[in-house]
PDB file of N, CA and C in Angstrom:
ATOM      1  N   MET A   1     117.652  14.529 134.982  1.00  0.00           N
ATOM      2  CA  MET A   1     116.431  15.214 134.567  1.00  0.00           C
ATOM      3  C   MET A   1     116.326  16.529 135.334  1.00  0.00           C
ATOM      4  N   GLY A   2     116.041  17.598 134.636  1.00  0.00           N
ATOM      5  CA  GLY A   2     115.960  18.915 135.260  1.00  0.00           C
ATOM      6  C   GLY A   2     114.679  19.102 136.052  1.00  0.00           C
ATOM      7  N   THR A   3     114.552  20.265 136.620  1.00  0.00           N
ATOM      8  CA  THR A   3     113.336  20.572 137.375  1.00  0.00           C
ATOM      9  C   THR A   3     112.161  20.675 136.401  1.00  0.00           C
ATOM     10  N   THR A   4     110.974  20.715 136.964  1.00  0.00           N
ATOM     11  CA  THR A   4     109.771  20.857 136.146  1.00  0.00           C
ATOM     12  C   THR A   4     109.879  22.112 135.283  1.00  0.00           C
ATOM     13  N   ASN A   5     110.263  23.228 135.897  1.00  0.00           N
ATOM     14  CA  ASN A   5     110.384  24.485 135.148  1.00  0.00           C
ATOM     15  C   ASN A   5     111.397  24.358 134.016  1.00  0.00           C
ATOM     16  N   GLU A   6     112.530  23.718 134.285  1.00  0.00           N
ATOM     17  CA  GLU A   6     113.566  23.571 133.256  1.00  0.00           C
ATOM     18  C   GLU A   6     113.078  22.715 132.097  1.00  0.00           C
ATOM     19  N   GLN A   7     112.375  21.640 132.410  1.00  0.00           N
ATOM     20  CA  GLN A   7     111.859  20.774 131.349  1.00  0.00           C
ATOM     21  C   GLN A   7     110.821  21.507 130.498  1.00  0.00           C
ATOM     22  N   LEU A   8     109.943  22.252 131.156  1.00  0.00           N
ATOM     23  CA  LEU A   8     108.937  23.030 130.425  1.00  0.00           C
ATOM     24  C   LEU A   8     109.605  24.097 129.567  1.00  0.00           C
ATOM     25  N   ARG A   9     110.566  24.800 130.149  1.00  0.00           N
ATOM     26  CA  ARG A   9     111.270  25.877 129.438  1.00  0.00           C
ATOM     27  C   ARG A   9     111.950  25.337 128.182  1.00  0.00           C
ATOM     28  N   GLU A  10     112.628  24.197 128.341  1.00  0.00           N
ATOM     29  CA  GLU A  10     113.340  23.592 127.206  1.00  0.00           C
ATOM     30  C   GLU A  10     112.363  23.171 126.110  1.00  0.00           C
ATOM     31  N   TYR A  11     111.258  22.550 126.493  1.00  0.00           N
ATOM     32  CA  TYR A  11     110.269  22.106 125.513  1.00  0.00           C
ATOM     33  C   TYR A  11     109.656  23.295 124.778  1.00  0.00           C
ATOM     34  N   ILE A  12     109.234  24.302 125.518  1.00  0.00           N
ATOM     35  CA  ILE A  12     108.602  25.466 124.893  1.00  0.00           C
ATOM     36  C   ILE A  12     109.575  26.176 123.952  1.00  0.00           C
ATOM     37  N   ALA A  13     110.789  26.388 124.398  1.00  0.00           N
ATOM     38  CA  ALA A  13     111.766  27.100 123.568  1.00  0.00           C
ATOM     39  C   ALA A  13     112.121  26.312 122.306  1.00  0.00           C
ATOM     40  N   SER A  14     112.397  25.012 122.460  1.00  0.00           N
ATOM     41  CA  SER A  14     112.875  24.240 121.309  1.00  0.00           C
ATOM     42  C   SER A  14     111.756  23.719 120.415  1.00  0.00           C
ATOM     43  N   GLN A  15     110.662  23.218 121.004  1.00  0.00           N
ATOM     44  CA  GLN A  15     109.628  22.575 120.202  1.00  0.00           C
ATOM     45  C   GLN A  15     108.505  23.509 119.758  1.00  0.00           C
ATOM     46  N   ILE A  16     108.149  24.478 120.592  1.00  0.00           N
ATOM     47  CA  ILE A  16     107.033  25.359 120.249  1.00  0.00           C
ATOM     48  C   ILE A  16     107.527  26.633 119.566  1.00  0.00           C
ATOM     49  N   LEU A  17     108.507  27.286 120.184  1.00  0.00           N
ATOM     50  CA  LEU A  17     109.001  28.544 119.612  1.00  0.00           C
ATOM     51  C   LEU A  17     110.066  28.317 118.545  1.00  0.00           C
ATOM     52  N   LYS A  18     110.634  27.126 118.509  1.00  0.00           N
ATOM     53  CA  LYS A  18     111.723  26.791 117.566  1.00  0.00           C
ATOM     54  C   LYS A  18     112.911  27.731 117.753  1.00  0.00           C
ATOM     55  N   GLN A  19     113.119  28.150 119.003  1.00  0.00           N
ATOM     56  CA  GLN A  19     114.247  29.012 119.379  1.00  0.00           C
ATOM     57  C   GLN A  19     114.896  28.409 120.627  1.00  0.00           C
ATOM     58  N   PRO A  20     115.673  27.325 120.445  1.00  0.00           N
ATOM     59  CA  PRO A  20     116.171  26.577 121.603  1.00  0.00           C
ATOM     60  C   PRO A  20     116.968  27.405 122.609  1.00  0.00           C
ATOM     61  N   ASN A  21     117.570  28.489 122.180  1.00  0.00           N
ATOM     62  CA  ASN A  21     118.387  29.287 123.094  1.00  0.00           C
ATOM     63  C   ASN A  21     117.645  30.474 123.686  1.00  0.00           C
ATOM     64  N   ARG A  22     116.350  30.583 123.395  1.00  0.00           N
ATOM     65  CA  ARG A  22     115.584  31.722 123.897  1.00  0.00           C
ATOM     66  C   ARG A  22     115.338  31.563 125.387  1.00  0.00           C
ATOM     67  N   PRO A  23     115.736  32.553 126.179  1.00  0.00           N
ATOM     68  CA  PRO A  23     115.440  32.472 127.612  1.00  0.00           C
ATOM     69  C   PRO A  23     113.950  32.731 127.863  1.00  0.00           C
ATOM     70  N   ILE A  24     113.368  31.966 128.751  1.00  0.00           N
ATOM     71  CA  ILE A  24     111.963  32.159 129.132  1.00  0.00           C
ATOM     72  C   ILE A  24     111.923  32.272 130.654  1.00  0.00           C
ATOM     73  N   PRO A  25     111.756  33.495 131.159  1.00  0.00           N
ATOM     74  CA  PRO A  25     111.664  33.651 132.616  1.00  0.00           C
ATOM     75  C   PRO A  25     110.438  32.927 133.165  1.00  0.00           C
ATOM     76  N   ASP A  26     110.520  32.483 134.420  1.00  0.00           N
ATOM     77  CA  ASP A  26     109.420  31.743 135.049  1.00  0.00           C
ATOM     78  C   ASP A  26     108.118  32.524 135.048  1.00  0.00           C
ATOM     79  N   ASP A  27     108.205  33.859 135.078  1.00  0.00           N
ATOM     80  CA  ASP A  27     106.991  34.680 135.185  1.00  0.00           C
ATOM     81  C   ASP A  27     106.576  35.336 133.870  1.00  0.00           C
ATOM     82  N   GLU A  28     107.223  34.954 132.764  1.00  0.00           N
ATOM     83  CA  GLU A  28     106.860  35.540 131.465  1.00  0.00           C
ATOM     84  C   GLU A  28     105.482  35.051 131.029  1.00  0.00           C
ATOM     85  N   ALA A  29     104.636  35.985 130.584  1.00  0.00           N
ATOM     86  CA  ALA A  29     103.302  35.619 130.091  1.00  0.00           C
ATOM     87  C   ALA A  29     103.462  34.854 128.785  1.00  0.00           C
ATOM     88  N   LEU A  30     102.944  33.641 128.754  1.00  0.00           N
ATOM     89  CA  LEU A  30     103.073  32.789 127.571  1.00  0.00           C
ATOM     90  C   LEU A  30     101.848  32.875 126.673  1.00  0.00           C
ATOM     91  N   ILE A  31     100.682  32.865 127.291  1.00  0.00           N
ATOM     92  CA  ILE A  31      99.444  32.807 126.526  1.00  0.00           C
ATOM     93  C   ILE A  31      98.882  34.202 126.280  1.00  0.00           C
ATOM     94  N   SER A  32      98.738  34.982 127.353  1.00  0.00           N
ATOM     95  CA  SER A  32      98.135  36.308 127.209  1.00  0.00           C
ATOM     96  C   SER A  32      98.992  37.240 126.342  1.00  0.00           C
ATOM     97  N   SER A  33     100.294  36.952 126.252  1.00  0.00           N
ATOM     98  CA  SER A  33     101.173  37.776 125.415  1.00  0.00           C
ATOM     99  C   SER A  33     101.127  37.353 123.951  1.00  0.00           C
ATOM    100  N   GLY A  34     100.524  36.172 123.689  1.00  0.00           N
ATOM    101  CA  GLY A  34     100.485  35.666 122.328  1.00  0.00           C
ATOM    102  C   GLY A  34     101.707  34.848 121.947  1.00  0.00           C
ATOM    103  N   LEU A  35     102.601  34.617 122.892  1.00  0.00           N
ATOM    104  CA  LEU A  35     103.814  33.842 122.615  1.00  0.00           C
ATOM    105  C   LEU A  35     103.453  32.410 122.211  1.00  0.00           C
ATOM    106  N   ILE A  36     102.453  31.853 122.889  1.00  0.00           N
ATOM    107  CA  ILE A  36     101.972  30.504 122.571  1.00  0.00           C
ATOM    108  C   ILE A  36     100.536  30.620 122.069  1.00  0.00           C
ATOM    109  N   ASP A  37     100.275  30.073 120.883  1.00  0.00           N
ATOM    110  CA  ASP A  37      98.914  30.121 120.348  1.00  0.00           C
ATOM    111  C   ASP A  37      98.140  28.869 120.774  1.00  0.00           C
ATOM    112  N   SER A  38      96.880  28.822 120.397  1.00  0.00           N
ATOM    113  CA  SER A  38      96.014  27.737 120.871  1.00  0.00           C
ATOM    114  C   SER A  38      96.462  26.367 120.360  1.00  0.00           C
ATOM    115  N   PHE A  39      97.018  26.306 119.164  1.00  0.00           N
ATOM    116  CA  PHE A  39      97.487  25.023 118.647  1.00  0.00           C
ATOM    117  C   PHE A  39      98.684  24.533 119.449  1.00  0.00           C
ATOM    118  N   SER A  40      99.593  25.447 119.737  1.00  0.00           N
ATOM    119  CA  SER A  40     100.778  25.090 120.525  1.00  0.00           C
ATOM    120  C   SER A  40     100.400  24.722 121.943  1.00  0.00           C
ATOM    121  N   LEU A  41      99.330  25.305 122.438  1.00  0.00           N
ATOM    122  CA  LEU A  41      98.867  25.019 123.793  1.00  0.00           C
ATOM    123  C   LEU A  41      98.450  23.556 123.913  1.00  0.00           C
ATOM    124  N   VAL A  42      97.812  23.032 122.891  1.00  0.00           N
ATOM    125  CA  VAL A  42      97.415  21.623 122.887  1.00  0.00           C
ATOM    126  C   VAL A  42      98.664  20.743 122.897  1.00  0.00           C
ATOM    127  N   ASP A  43      99.667  21.106 122.086  1.00  0.00           N
ATOM    128  CA  ASP A  43     100.930  20.358 122.078  1.00  0.00           C
ATOM    129  C   ASP A  43     101.585  20.383 123.459  1.00  0.00           C
ATOM    130  N   LEU A  44     101.572  21.551 124.082  1.00  0.00           N
ATOM    131  CA  LEU A  44     102.166  21.688 125.411  1.00  0.00           C
ATOM    132  C   LEU A  44     101.421  20.816 126.423  1.00  0.00           C
ATOM    133  N   ALA A  45     100.095  20.797 126.351  1.00  0.00           N
ATOM    134  CA  ALA A  45      99.311  19.972 127.268  1.00  0.00           C
ATOM    135  C   ALA A  45      99.630  18.488 127.074  1.00  0.00           C
ATOM    136  N   MET A  46      99.775  18.060 125.829  1.00  0.00           N
ATOM    137  CA  MET A  46     100.106  16.659 125.560  1.00  0.00           C
ATOM    138  C   MET A  46     101.496  16.321 126.098  1.00  0.00           C
ATOM    139  N   PHE A  47     102.446  17.252 125.934  1.00  0.00           N
ATOM    140  CA  PHE A  47     103.785  17.054 126.482  1.00  0.00           C
ATOM    141  C   PHE A  47     103.715  16.908 128.006  1.00  0.00           C
ATOM    142  N   VAL A  48     102.964  17.793 128.648  1.00  0.00           N
ATOM    143  CA  VAL A  48     102.833  17.756 130.109  1.00  0.00           C
ATOM    144  C   VAL A  48     102.247  16.429 130.567  1.00  0.00           C
ATOM    145  N   GLU A  49     101.200  15.974 129.879  1.00  0.00           N
ATOM    146  CA  GLU A  49     100.565  14.716 130.260  1.00  0.00           C
ATOM    147  C   GLU A  49     101.518  13.534 130.086  1.00  0.00           C
ATOM    148  N   ASP A  50     102.258  13.514 128.975  1.00  0.00           N
ATOM    149  CA  ASP A  50     103.200  12.418 128.716  1.00  0.00           C
ATOM    150  C   ASP A  50     104.405  12.479 129.649  1.00  0.00           C
ATOM    151  N   GLN A  51     104.959  13.656 129.812  1.00  0.00           N
ATOM    152  CA  GLN A  51     106.205  13.830 130.563  1.00  0.00           C
ATOM    153  C   GLN A  51     106.007  13.702 132.070  1.00  0.00           C
ATOM    154  N   PHE A  52     104.903  14.256 132.564  1.00  0.00           N
ATOM    155  CA  PHE A  52     104.726  14.352 134.013  1.00  0.00           C
ATOM    156  C   PHE A  52     103.607  13.464 134.547  1.00  0.00           C
ATOM    157  N   GLY A  53     102.856  12.818 133.656  1.00  0.00           N
ATOM    158  CA  GLY A  53     101.817  11.896 134.085  1.00  0.00           C
ATOM    159  C   GLY A  53     100.638  12.553 134.771  1.00  0.00           C
ATOM    160  N   VAL A  54     100.351  13.786 134.380  1.00  0.00           N
ATOM    161  CA  VAL A  54      99.191  14.475 134.956  1.00  0.00           C
ATOM    162  C   VAL A  54      98.211  14.818 133.844  1.00  0.00           C
ATOM    163  N   ARG A  55      96.953  14.926 134.204  1.00  0.00           N
ATOM    164  CA  ARG A  55      95.901  15.239 133.225  1.00  0.00           C
ATOM    165  C   ARG A  55      95.605  16.733 133.247  1.00  0.00           C
ATOM    166  N   ILE A  56      95.518  17.319 132.058  1.00  0.00           N
ATOM    167  CA  ILE A  56      95.115  18.713 131.939  1.00  0.00           C
ATOM    168  C   ILE A  56      93.839  18.731 131.103  1.00  0.00           C
ATOM    169  N   ASP A  57      92.761  19.215 131.692  1.00  0.00           N
ATOM    170  CA  ASP A  57      91.495  19.293 130.968  1.00  0.00           C
ATOM    171  C   ASP A  57      91.542  20.385 129.912  1.00  0.00           C
ATOM    172  N   ASP A  58      90.795  20.177 128.833  1.00  0.00           N
ATOM    173  CA  ASP A  58      90.727  21.185 127.773  1.00  0.00           C
ATOM    174  C   ASP A  58      90.285  22.537 128.325  1.00  0.00           C
ATOM    175  N   SER A  59      89.420  22.509 129.317  1.00  0.00           N
ATOM    176  CA  SER A  59      88.925  23.762 129.897  1.00  0.00           C
ATOM    177  C   SER A  59      90.021  24.524 130.647  1.00  0.00           C
ATOM    178  N   GLU A  60      91.128  23.840 130.932  1.00  0.00           N
ATOM    179  CA  GLU A  60      92.238  24.484 131.647  1.00  0.00           C
ATOM    180  C   GLU A  60      93.273  25.083 130.702  1.00  0.00           C
ATOM    181  N   LEU A  61      93.104  24.884 129.412  1.00  0.00           N
ATOM    182  CA  LEU A  61      94.080  25.382 128.444  1.00  0.00           C
ATOM    183  C   LEU A  61      93.843  26.863 128.166  1.00  0.00           C
ATOM    184  N   ASN A  62      94.161  27.683 129.140  1.00  0.00           N
ATOM    185  CA  ASN A  62      93.949  29.121 128.987  1.00  0.00           C
ATOM    186  C   ASN A  62      94.850  29.908 129.929  1.00  0.00           C
ATOM    187  N   ALA A  63      94.886  31.196 129.721  1.00  0.00           N
ATOM    188  CA  ALA A  63      95.761  32.057 130.504  1.00  0.00           C
ATOM    189  C   ALA A  63      95.340  32.138 131.964  1.00  0.00           C
ATOM    190  N   ALA A  64      94.063  31.880 132.255  1.00  0.00           N
ATOM    191  CA  ALA A  64      93.600  31.952 133.639  1.00  0.00           C
ATOM    192  C   ALA A  64      94.196  30.814 134.478  1.00  0.00           C
ATOM    193  N   THR A  65      94.406  29.657 133.862  1.00  0.00           N
ATOM    194  CA  THR A  65      94.930  28.496 134.578  1.00  0.00           C
ATOM    195  C   THR A  65      96.446  28.508 134.632  1.00  0.00           C
ATOM    196  N   PHE A  66      97.064  28.711 133.487  1.00  0.00           N
ATOM    197  CA  PHE A  66      98.523  28.853 133.485  1.00  0.00           C
ATOM    198  C   PHE A  66      98.949  29.776 132.360  1.00  0.00           C
ATOM    199  N   ASP A  67      99.584  30.860 132.746  1.00  0.00           N
ATOM    200  CA  ASP A  67     100.075  31.818 131.752  1.00  0.00           C
ATOM    201  C   ASP A  67     101.584  31.965 131.852  1.00  0.00           C
ATOM    202  N   SER A  68     102.203  31.217 132.770  1.00  0.00           N
ATOM    203  CA  SER A  68     103.652  31.314 132.935  1.00  0.00           C
ATOM    204  C   SER A  68     104.194  29.937 133.306  1.00  0.00           C
ATOM    205  N   LEU A  69     105.495  29.790 133.180  1.00  0.00           N
ATOM    206  CA  LEU A  69     106.134  28.534 133.576  1.00  0.00           C
ATOM    207  C   LEU A  69     105.869  28.241 135.044  1.00  0.00           C
ATOM    208  N   ALA A  70     105.926  29.277 135.877  1.00  0.00           N
ATOM    209  CA  ALA A  70     105.728  29.085 137.311  1.00  0.00           C
ATOM    210  C   ALA A  70     104.323  28.547 137.596  1.00  0.00           C
ATOM    211  N   GLN A  71     103.310  29.108 136.932  1.00  0.00           N
ATOM    212  CA  GLN A  71     101.934  28.646 137.142  1.00  0.00           C
ATOM    213  C   GLN A  71     101.756  27.208 136.647  1.00  0.00           C
ATOM    214  N   LEU A  72     102.299  26.913 135.475  1.00  0.00           N
ATOM    215  CA  LEU A  72     102.149  25.568 134.911  1.00  0.00           C
ATOM    216  C   LEU A  72     102.886  24.547 135.771  1.00  0.00           C
ATOM    217  N   ALA A  73     104.086  24.878 136.201  1.00  0.00           N
ATOM    218  CA  ALA A  73     104.848  23.965 137.066  1.00  0.00           C
ATOM    219  C   ALA A  73     104.100  23.739 138.376  1.00  0.00           C
ATOM    220  N   GLY A  74     103.490  24.781 138.914  1.00  0.00           N
ATOM    221  CA  GLY A  74     102.711  24.644 140.139  1.00  0.00           C
ATOM    222  C   GLY A  74     101.531  23.707 139.955  1.00  0.00           C
ATOM    223  N   LEU A  75     100.856  23.828 138.819  1.00  0.00           N
ATOM    224  CA  LEU A  75      99.724  22.960 138.507  1.00  0.00           C
ATOM    225  C   LEU A  75     100.183  21.501 138.415  1.00  0.00           C
ATOM    226  N   ILE A  76     101.294  21.278 137.737  1.00  0.00           N
ATOM    227  CA  ILE A  76     101.835  19.918 137.583  1.00  0.00           C
ATOM    228  C   ILE A  76     102.197  19.329 138.938  1.00  0.00           C
ATOM    229  N   GLU A  77     102.919  20.108 139.749  1.00  0.00           N
ATOM    230  CA  GLU A  77     103.374  19.606 141.036  1.00  0.00           C
ATOM    231  C   GLU A  77     102.200  19.344 141.981  1.00  0.00           C
ATOM    232  N   GLN A  78     101.157  20.159 141.874  1.00  0.00           N
ATOM    233  CA  GLN A  78      99.953  19.972 142.680  1.00  0.00           C
ATOM    234  C   GLN A  78      99.273  18.651 142.293  1.00  0.00           C
ATOM    235  N   ARG A  79      99.213  18.362 141.008  1.00  0.00           N
ATOM    236  CA  ARG A  79      98.556  17.140 140.531  1.00  0.00           C
ATOM    237  C   ARG A  79      99.387  15.898 140.859  1.00  0.00           C
ATOM    238  N   GLN A  80     100.698  16.056 140.923  1.00  0.00           N
ATOM    239  CA  GLN A  80     101.559  14.912 141.206  1.00  0.00           C
ATOM    240  C   GLN A  80     101.544  14.545 142.690  1.00  0.00           C
ATOM    241  N   ALA A  81     101.168  15.488 143.529  1.00  0.00           N
ATOM    242  CA  ALA A  81     101.205  15.266 144.988  1.00  0.00           C
ATOM    243  C   ALA A  81     100.155  14.264 145.432  1.00  0.00           C
TER     244      ALA A  81
END
C-alpha cells in the first residue's frame, strides 16, 4: 500500500479526473482551481472515510480545509494519530 499522498493521487487521477496517468503534484490546487467540483468532493470524502477510517465533516469539504494533496494527507494523518 502506498503512502497517503500516493493513494489520494491515484484515486483522484483515475476515479475523479478519469485520467489515470495525470500527474498531480502535492501542492496543486484541487478545489480552488476547479479541478475537483463539489460532487467529486463528496466522492473524495467518502473514499477518504472508507480508505483511511477518518471522518470528514461536510463543513470541511472546501478549499479552506484542503485544497491540495498535501493538505488532505495532513488532515488524514492528524485524525489517525
